[in-house]
Amino acid sequence: MAQQAIETSINTWGNGLALRLNKLVAKAAGIVDGTHVRVIAQPGKIIVEMTDRKPTLNEMLASFDKTRHGGEVMAFAPVGKEAC
């Protein structure tokens, strides 16, 4: 497939910034929804490379934020056998 280039802008998305890839660029790069990528930031340049690697269990556990994800999940008190 031929090389695709577009001009676009970086836009606010939540508390961060986002770059939207159009369908032609994504197809030319072989990127689909859920593709894992590595982002490399250099002065004046951002490089996005596809990776086939999925995070290891240790990497996922290291990224766990107790203040965000810790504590009781249910919003109500235990009932029945849970309360024992």
N, C-alpha and C. Protein backbone atom coordinates (compact mmCIF):
# COMPACT_ATOMS: atom_id res chain seq x y z
N MET A 1 0.85 -1.17 0.00
CA MET A 1 0.00 0.00 0.00
C MET A 1 0.89 1.24 0.00
N ALA A 2 0.44 2.28 -0.64
CA ALA A 2 1.21 3.52 -0.75
C ALA A 2 1.27 4.24 0.59
N GLN A 3 2.33 5.02 0.74
CA GLN A 3 2.50 5.82 1.95
C GLN A 3 1.40 6.87 2.02
N GLN A 4 0.83 7.05 3.22
CA GLN A 4 -0.24 8.02 3.41
C GLN A 4 0.25 9.11 4.35
N ALA A 5 -0.06 10.36 4.06
CA ALA A 5 0.29 11.48 4.92
C ALA A 5 -0.92 12.39 5.04
N ILE A 6 -1.14 12.90 6.22
CA ILE A 6 -2.23 13.85 6.44
C ILE A 6 -1.73 14.98 7.32
N GLU A 7 -2.41 16.09 7.26
CA GLU A 7 -2.19 17.16 8.23
C GLU A 7 -3.40 17.17 9.13
N THR A 8 -3.18 17.20 10.42
CA THR A 8 -4.25 17.16 11.40
C THR A 8 -3.83 17.98 12.60
N SER A 9 -4.60 17.95 13.65
CA SER A 9 -4.23 18.69 14.86
C SER A 9 -4.32 17.78 16.07
N ILE A 10 -3.64 18.16 17.11
CA ILE A 10 -3.71 17.49 18.39
C ILE A 10 -4.83 18.17 19.17
N ASN A 11 -5.72 17.38 19.76
CA ASN A 11 -6.86 17.95 20.46
C ASN A 11 -6.95 17.41 21.88
N THR A 12 -7.61 18.17 22.75
CA THR A 12 -7.80 17.76 24.13
C THR A 12 -8.74 16.57 24.18
N TRP A 13 -8.37 15.59 25.01
CA TRP A 13 -9.23 14.42 25.24
C TRP A 13 -9.12 14.10 26.73
N GLY A 14 -10.14 14.42 27.50
CA GLY A 14 -10.08 14.26 28.95
C GLY A 14 -9.02 15.18 29.51
N ASN A 15 -8.11 14.61 30.31
CA ASN A 15 -7.01 15.39 30.89
C ASN A 15 -5.75 15.34 30.04
N GLY A 16 -5.83 14.75 28.86
CA GLY A 16 -4.65 14.60 28.02
C GLY A 16 -4.90 15.16 26.64
N LEU A 17 -4.05 14.75 25.73
CA LEU A 17 -4.14 15.16 24.34
C LEU A 17 -4.29 13.93 23.47
N ALA A 18 -4.91 14.08 22.30
CA ALA A 18 -5.16 12.94 21.43
C ALA A 18 -4.83 13.28 19.98
N LEU A 19 -4.39 12.27 19.27
CA LEU A 19 -4.16 12.38 17.82
C LEU A 19 -5.08 11.36 17.16
N ARG A 20 -5.91 11.82 16.27
CA ARG A 20 -6.84 10.93 15.59
C ARG A 20 -6.24 10.54 14.24
N LEU A 21 -6.23 9.24 13.96
CA LEU A 21 -5.74 8.74 12.68
C LEU A 21 -6.95 8.46 11.79
N ASN A 22 -6.92 8.97 10.56
CA ASN A 22 -8.03 8.67 9.67
C ASN A 22 -7.89 7.24 9.14
N LYS A 23 -8.94 6.77 8.50
CA LYS A 23 -9.00 5.37 8.05
C LYS A 23 -7.88 5.02 7.07
N LEU A 24 -7.55 5.92 6.14
CA LEU A 24 -6.51 5.64 5.15
C LEU A 24 -5.14 5.48 5.81
N VAL A 25 -4.82 6.35 6.76
CA VAL A 25 -3.53 6.27 7.44
C VAL A 25 -3.45 5.00 8.28
N ALA A 26 -4.51 4.71 9.01
CA ALA A 26 -4.53 3.50 9.84
C ALA A 26 -4.38 2.26 8.98
N LYS A 27 -5.07 2.22 7.85
CA LYS A 27 -5.00 1.06 6.96
C LYS A 27 -3.60 0.92 6.36
N ALA A 28 -3.01 2.04 5.95
CA ALA A 28 -1.66 1.99 5.38
C ALA A 28 -0.64 1.47 6.37
N ALA A 29 -0.85 1.77 7.66
CA ALA A 29 0.08 1.32 8.70
C ALA A 29 -0.28 -0.06 9.23
N GLY A 30 -1.46 -0.57 8.89
CA GLY A 30 -1.89 -1.86 9.41
C GLY A 30 -2.39 -1.78 10.85
N ILE A 31 -2.87 -0.60 11.23
CA ILE A 31 -3.35 -0.39 12.60
C ILE A 31 -4.86 -0.57 12.63
N VAL A 32 -5.33 -1.35 13.62
CA VAL A 32 -6.75 -1.54 13.84
C VAL A 32 -7.05 -1.23 15.29
N ASP A 33 -8.32 -1.17 15.63
CA ASP A 33 -8.74 -0.91 17.01
C ASP A 33 -8.09 -1.95 17.93
N GLY A 34 -7.44 -1.50 18.98
CA GLY A 34 -6.80 -2.39 19.94
C GLY A 34 -5.34 -2.69 19.65
N THR A 35 -4.79 -2.16 18.55
CA THR A 35 -3.38 -2.38 18.24
C THR A 35 -2.52 -1.75 19.32
N HIS A 36 -1.55 -2.52 19.81
CA HIS A 36 -0.62 -1.99 20.81
C HIS A 36 0.48 -1.20 20.10
N VAL A 37 0.79 -0.02 20.64
CA VAL A 37 1.81 0.83 20.05
C VAL A 37 2.77 1.32 21.12
N ARG A 38 3.94 1.73 20.69
CA ARG A 38 4.93 2.39 21.54
C ARG A 38 5.04 3.81 21.01
N VAL A 39 4.99 4.79 21.91
CA VAL A 39 5.08 6.19 21.52
C VAL A 39 6.43 6.72 22.02
N ILE A 40 7.21 7.26 21.09
CA ILE A 40 8.53 7.81 21.41
C ILE A 40 8.46 9.31 21.19
N ALA A 41 8.79 10.08 22.22
CA ALA A 41 8.75 11.54 22.12
C ALA A 41 10.17 12.08 22.02
N GLN A 42 10.40 12.88 21.00
CA GLN A 42 11.67 13.57 20.80
C GLN A 42 11.33 15.04 20.54
N PRO A 43 12.28 15.94 20.77
CA PRO A 43 11.98 17.35 20.52
C PRO A 43 11.46 17.57 19.09
N GLY A 44 10.24 18.08 18.98
CA GLY A 44 9.64 18.36 17.67
C GLY A 44 9.16 17.15 16.91
N LYS A 45 9.14 15.96 17.55
CA LYS A 45 8.79 14.75 16.82
C LYS A 45 8.13 13.73 17.74
N ILE A 46 7.10 13.07 17.26
CA ILE A 46 6.48 11.95 17.96
C ILE A 46 6.47 10.77 17.01
N ILE A 47 6.99 9.64 17.46
CA ILE A 47 7.05 8.43 16.65
C ILE A 47 6.12 7.40 17.27
N VAL A 48 5.26 6.81 16.45
CA VAL A 48 4.34 5.78 16.92
C VAL A 48 4.70 4.49 16.19
N GLU A 49 5.08 3.46 16.96
CA GLU A 49 5.46 2.17 16.39
C GLU A 49 4.54 1.09 16.92
N MET A 50 4.10 0.20 16.06
CA MET A 50 3.29 -0.92 16.50
C MET A 50 4.15 -1.91 17.28
N THR A 51 3.56 -2.52 18.28
CA THR A 51 4.22 -3.59 19.03
C THR A 51 3.27 -4.77 19.09
N ASP A 52 3.79 -5.96 19.05
CA ASP A 52 2.97 -7.16 19.17
C ASP A 52 2.91 -7.62 20.61
N ARG A 53 3.72 -7.01 21.44
CA ARG A 53 3.87 -7.45 22.81
C ARG A 53 2.70 -7.00 23.67
N LYS A 54 2.18 -7.92 24.47
CA LYS A 54 1.16 -7.59 25.45
C LYS A 54 1.86 -7.41 26.79
N PRO A 55 1.33 -6.58 27.67
CA PRO A 55 1.99 -6.36 28.96
C PRO A 55 2.04 -7.65 29.78
N THR A 56 3.13 -7.81 30.53
CA THR A 56 3.25 -8.96 31.42
C THR A 56 2.41 -8.73 32.67
N LEU A 57 2.18 -9.79 33.43
CA LEU A 57 1.43 -9.66 34.67
C LEU A 57 2.12 -8.68 35.60
N ASN A 58 3.46 -8.76 35.70
CA ASN A 58 4.20 -7.84 36.58
C ASN A 58 4.04 -6.39 36.13
N GLU A 59 4.01 -6.14 34.82
CA GLU A 59 3.81 -4.77 34.32
C GLU A 59 2.40 -4.28 34.65
N MET A 60 1.41 -5.16 34.50
CA MET A 60 0.05 -4.75 34.82
C MET A 60 -0.10 -4.49 36.32
N LEU A 61 0.51 -5.34 37.15
CA LEU A 61 0.43 -5.12 38.60
C LEU A 61 1.17 -3.85 39.01
N ALA A 62 2.30 -3.56 38.34
CA ALA A 62 3.07 -2.35 38.66
C ALA A 62 2.29 -1.09 38.31
N SER A 63 1.40 -1.17 37.32
CA SER A 63 0.63 0.01 36.92
C SER A 63 -0.65 0.17 37.74
N PHE A 64 -0.93 -0.77 38.64
CA PHE A 64 -2.14 -0.72 39.47
C PHE A 64 -2.04 0.44 40.45
N ASP A 65 -3.03 1.30 40.46
CA ASP A 65 -3.07 2.46 41.33
C ASP A 65 -4.07 2.21 42.45
N LYS A 66 -3.57 1.96 43.67
CA LYS A 66 -4.45 1.62 44.79
C LYS A 66 -5.44 2.73 45.12
N THR A 67 -5.03 3.97 44.95
CA THR A 67 -5.95 5.07 45.28
C THR A 67 -7.09 5.14 44.26
N ARG A 68 -6.83 4.73 43.04
CA ARG A 68 -7.86 4.75 42.01
C ARG A 68 -8.70 3.49 41.99
N HIS A 69 -8.07 2.35 42.21
CA HIS A 69 -8.75 1.07 42.04
C HIS A 69 -8.91 0.28 43.33
N GLY A 70 -8.35 0.76 44.42
CA GLY A 70 -8.40 0.01 45.67
C GLY A 70 -9.71 0.17 46.40
N GLY A 71 -9.86 -0.59 47.47
CA GLY A 71 -11.06 -0.47 48.29
C GLY A 71 -12.17 -1.37 47.83
N GLU A 72 -13.27 -1.25 48.51
CA GLU A 72 -14.44 -2.08 48.23
C GLU A 72 -15.08 -1.65 46.91
N VAL A 73 -15.43 -2.62 46.10
CA VAL A 73 -16.02 -2.34 44.80
C VAL A 73 -17.50 -2.06 44.93
N MET A 74 -18.17 -2.79 45.82
CA MET A 74 -19.61 -2.62 45.96
C MET A 74 -19.92 -1.38 46.79
N ALA A 75 -20.99 -0.72 46.42
CA ALA A 75 -21.37 0.52 47.10
C ALA A 75 -22.28 0.26 48.29
N PHE A 76 -22.56 -1.01 48.60
CA PHE A 76 -23.44 -1.32 49.71
C PHE A 76 -22.76 -2.33 50.63
N ALA A 77 -23.28 -2.46 51.82
CA ALA A 77 -22.70 -3.37 52.82
C ALA A 77 -22.93 -4.82 52.44
N PRO A 78 -22.01 -5.73 52.87
CA PRO A 78 -22.19 -7.15 52.59
C PRO A 78 -23.50 -7.66 53.18
N VAL A 79 -24.12 -8.61 52.50
CA VAL A 79 -25.37 -9.21 52.98
C VAL A 79 -25.25 -10.73 52.93
N GLY A 80 -26.10 -11.42 53.64
CA GLY A 80 -26.12 -12.87 53.61
C GLY A 80 -24.81 -13.48 54.08
N LYS A 81 -24.34 -14.49 53.36
CA LYS A 81 -23.10 -15.19 53.73
C LYS A 81 -21.87 -14.28 53.64
N GLU A 82 -21.93 -13.22 52.83
CA GLU A 82 -20.82 -12.28 52.74
C GLU A 82 -20.56 -11.59 54.08
N ALA A 83 -21.61 -11.36 54.84
CA ALA A 83 -21.51 -10.62 56.10
C ALA A 83 -20.90 -11.46 57.21
N CYS A 84 -20.86 -12.77 57.05
CA CYS A 84 -20.35 -13.66 58.12
C CYS A 84 -18.85 -13.63 58.24
